[in-house]
Amino acid sequence: MYREEELTALNRQLGIRRAILWGVTALLTAGLVYAAVSRARLIGSDARLAVRLSGAVPYEIAIYILSAVIGIWALTWWGLALKPLTDYKKHLINVLRGRTHTVDGRWGGVSEEISEVDGVKCRTVSLILQDEKGWDYDRRFYLDVLRQVPDFAEGASVRITYHDKLLVCAEELQA
């Protein structure tokens, strides 16, 4: 279900988005530094207090506005463009390179309800397992919404591979 190429493409996309973040932040910071240096030169070149303060006000306003814009830009871009991708990258690394487990059971079905697990949007998958005494019990796993839902009949014998609670692979067992 998961491939290394997906991780490579995700890393490339993260690199582009980080470059945009740092590029725009650098431009805004350059404007901030320019306004601060211009203000300092204006104050240093003028001897009279009244003229010094009245001439510096536009630069001070520019400094305040640019500081606020830098903060808003960085927080918004991080929350909307980078955080979801970094969460998904962590998920992909765990699934591709982390410790996985395999279990056999009967397919219980997939819920259409979407929940979030470790920053990844998932559907709930139910699997019916048996304990050592032979009693049936339901075990819940989560399937990434970007993955295709397996087309198994309810009650079909399946083998699933999972990492933590996240479903990595599911295959139907032949009876």
Protein backbone atom coordinates (compact mmCIF):
# COMPACT_ATOMS: atom_id res chain seq x y z
CA MET A 1 0.00 0.00 0.00
CA TYR A 2 2.83 2.42 0.78
CA ARG A 3 5.86 3.03 -1.43
CA GLU A 4 9.21 4.75 -0.97
CA GLU A 5 8.45 6.98 -3.99
CA GLU A 6 5.64 8.61 -2.01
CA LEU A 7 8.11 9.60 0.69
CA THR A 8 10.51 11.01 -1.90
CA ALA A 9 7.74 13.09 -3.51
CA LEU A 10 6.60 14.29 -0.10
CA ASN A 11 10.15 15.35 0.81
CA ARG A 12 10.39 17.29 -2.46
CA GLN A 13 7.08 19.06 -1.73
CA LEU A 14 8.21 19.87 1.81
CA GLY A 15 11.44 21.34 0.42
CA ILE A 16 9.49 23.62 -1.92
CA ARG A 17 7.17 24.78 0.85
CA ARG A 18 10.06 25.41 3.25
CA ALA A 19 11.83 27.44 0.55
CA ILE A 20 8.71 29.56 0.12
CA LEU A 21 8.44 30.05 3.89
CA TRP A 22 12.07 31.10 4.31
CA GLY A 23 12.14 33.19 1.13
CA VAL A 24 9.14 35.30 2.04
CA THR A 25 10.29 35.52 5.67
CA ALA A 26 13.74 36.71 4.50
CA LEU A 27 12.18 39.41 2.29
CA LEU A 28 9.97 40.63 5.13
CA THR A 29 12.90 40.58 7.53
CA ALA A 30 15.01 42.57 5.05
CA GLY A 31 12.27 45.21 4.96
CA LEU A 32 12.19 45.22 8.75
CA VAL A 33 15.96 45.68 8.97
CA TYR A 34 15.85 48.44 6.34
CA ALA A 35 13.15 50.32 8.27
CA ALA A 36 15.06 49.95 11.55
CA VAL A 37 18.35 51.13 10.04
CA SER A 38 16.66 54.07 8.28
CA ARG A 39 15.00 55.08 11.54
CA ALA A 40 18.34 54.94 13.38
CA ARG A 41 20.03 57.07 10.70
CA LEU A 42 17.22 59.63 10.78
CA ILE A 43 17.41 59.98 14.56
CA GLY A 44 21.22 60.12 14.50
CA SER A 45 21.36 62.81 11.80
CA ASP A 46 18.87 65.24 13.36
CA ALA A 47 19.70 67.35 16.40
CA ARG A 48 16.33 68.72 17.37
CA LEU A 49 14.12 66.43 19.51
CA ALA A 50 10.75 67.43 18.00
CA VAL A 51 11.90 66.89 14.41
CA ARG A 52 13.68 63.70 15.37
CA LEU A 53 10.54 62.12 16.84
CA SER A 54 8.12 63.31 14.17
CA GLY A 55 10.37 62.09 11.32
CA ALA A 56 10.87 58.66 12.86
CA VAL A 57 7.19 57.77 13.26
CA PRO A 58 6.65 56.31 9.74
CA TYR A 59 9.68 54.06 10.18
CA GLU A 60 8.48 52.90 13.59
CA ILE A 61 5.06 52.11 12.15
CA ALA A 62 6.73 50.16 9.33
CA ILE A 63 8.79 48.22 11.87
CA TYR A 64 5.72 47.30 13.91
CA ILE A 65 3.68 46.31 10.86
CA LEU A 66 6.48 44.24 9.33
CA SER A 67 7.11 42.48 12.66
CA ALA A 68 3.44 41.54 12.91
CA VAL A 69 3.31 40.43 9.27
CA ILE A 70 6.40 38.22 9.72
CA GLY A 71 4.84 36.52 12.74
CA ILE A 72 1.44 36.06 11.12
CA TRP A 73 3.00 34.81 7.87
CA ALA A 74 5.27 32.27 9.58
CA LEU A 75 2.56 30.89 11.88
CA THR A 76 -0.07 30.69 9.15
CA TRP A 77 2.23 29.10 6.58
CA TRP A 78 3.50 26.60 9.14
CA GLY A 79 0.00 25.63 10.28
CA LEU A 80 -1.58 25.40 6.84
CA ALA A 81 1.21 24.30 4.52
CA LEU A 82 3.96 22.60 6.52
CA LYS A 83 2.46 20.94 9.60
CA PRO A 84 0.09 18.58 7.74
CA LEU A 85 2.93 17.46 5.45
CA THR A 86 5.38 16.95 8.31
CA ASP A 87 2.77 14.85 10.15
CA TYR A 88 2.18 12.75 7.04
CA LYS A 89 5.94 12.41 6.47
CA LYS A 90 6.32 11.08 10.01
CA HIS A 91 3.49 8.64 9.31
CA LEU A 92 5.10 7.44 6.07
CA ILE A 93 8.50 6.95 7.71
CA ASN A 94 6.92 4.96 10.54
CA VAL A 95 4.95 2.79 8.14
CA LEU A 96 7.81 2.20 5.69
CA ARG A 97 10.71 1.82 8.12
CA GLY A 98 9.15 1.27 11.52
CA ARG A 99 8.27 -1.93 13.31
CA THR A 100 5.19 -3.59 11.88
CA HIS A 101 3.14 -6.52 13.10
CA THR A 102 0.96 -9.03 11.27
CA VAL A 103 -2.25 -10.59 12.51
CA ASP A 104 -4.89 -12.88 10.96
CA GLY A 105 -8.58 -12.39 11.60
CA ARG A 106 -11.95 -11.81 10.01
CA TRP A 107 -12.80 -8.58 8.26
CA GLY A 108 -15.32 -6.55 10.22
CA GLY A 109 -15.78 -3.61 7.88
CA VAL A 110 -14.77 0.01 7.45
CA SER A 111 -16.50 2.97 9.04
CA GLU A 112 -17.13 6.06 6.89
CA GLU A 113 -16.51 8.22 9.94
CA ILE A 114 -13.19 10.09 9.68
CA SER A 115 -10.98 10.65 12.70
CA GLU A 116 -7.46 11.95 13.17
CA VAL A 117 -4.67 9.71 14.45
CA ASP A 118 -1.22 11.25 14.97
CA GLY A 119 -2.08 14.10 12.60
CA VAL A 120 -3.28 11.78 9.82
CA LYS A 121 -6.94 11.60 8.79
CA CYS A 122 -8.14 7.99 8.95
CA ARG A 123 -11.14 5.72 8.67
CA THR A 124 -11.82 3.12 11.34
CA VAL A 125 -11.34 -0.51 10.32
CA SER A 126 -12.77 -3.31 12.43
CA LEU A 127 -11.12 -6.71 12.60
CA ILE A 128 -12.54 -9.68 14.49
CA LEU A 129 -9.85 -11.68 16.28
CA GLN A 130 -9.88 -14.63 18.65
CA ASP A 131 -8.18 -14.74 22.02
CA GLU A 132 -6.41 -17.81 23.40
CA LYS A 133 -9.70 -19.20 24.75
CA GLY A 134 -11.38 -18.96 21.35
CA TRP A 135 -13.57 -15.96 22.16
CA ASP A 136 -14.15 -13.40 19.43
CA TYR A 137 -13.33 -9.76 20.06
CA ASP A 138 -13.18 -6.65 17.89
CA ARG A 139 -9.95 -4.81 17.35
CA ARG A 140 -9.92 -1.36 15.83
CA PHE A 141 -7.31 -0.20 13.33
CA TYR A 142 -7.09 2.98 11.30
CA LEU A 143 -6.75 3.31 7.53
CA ASP A 144 -5.35 6.47 5.97
CA VAL A 145 -8.10 8.27 3.99
CA LEU A 146 -5.69 8.67 1.06
CA ARG A 147 -5.55 4.87 0.70
CA GLN A 148 -8.07 2.78 -1.15
CA VAL A 149 -10.41 0.85 1.12
CA PRO A 150 -9.94 -2.92 0.65
CA ASP A 151 -12.94 -4.56 -0.99
CA PHE A 152 -13.36 -7.52 1.36
CA ALA A 153 -16.67 -9.13 2.23
CA GLU A 154 -17.61 -8.84 5.87
CA GLY A 155 -16.39 -11.94 7.70
CA ALA A 156 -13.70 -12.78 5.11
CA SER A 157 -10.43 -14.17 6.45
CA VAL A 158 -7.73 -11.53 6.14
CA ARG A 159 -4.15 -10.93 7.14
CA ILE A 160 -3.28 -7.37 8.02
CA THR A 161 0.01 -5.69 8.66
CA TYR A 162 -0.10 -2.72 10.98
CA HIS A 163 2.16 -0.19 12.65
CA ASP A 164 0.89 0.92 16.04
CA LYS A 165 -2.83 1.35 15.22
CA LEU A 166 -2.39 2.26 11.56
CA LEU A 167 -3.17 -0.28 8.86
CA VAL A 168 -0.23 -0.78 6.48
CA CYS A 169 -1.39 -3.66 4.30
CA ALA A 170 -4.39 -5.99 4.08
CA GLU A 171 -4.71 -9.18 2.05
CA GLU A 172 -7.44 -11.77 1.82
CA LEU A 173 -6.51 -15.29 2.88
CA GLN A 174 -7.58 -18.20 0.72
CA ALA A 175 -9.73 -20.70 2.61
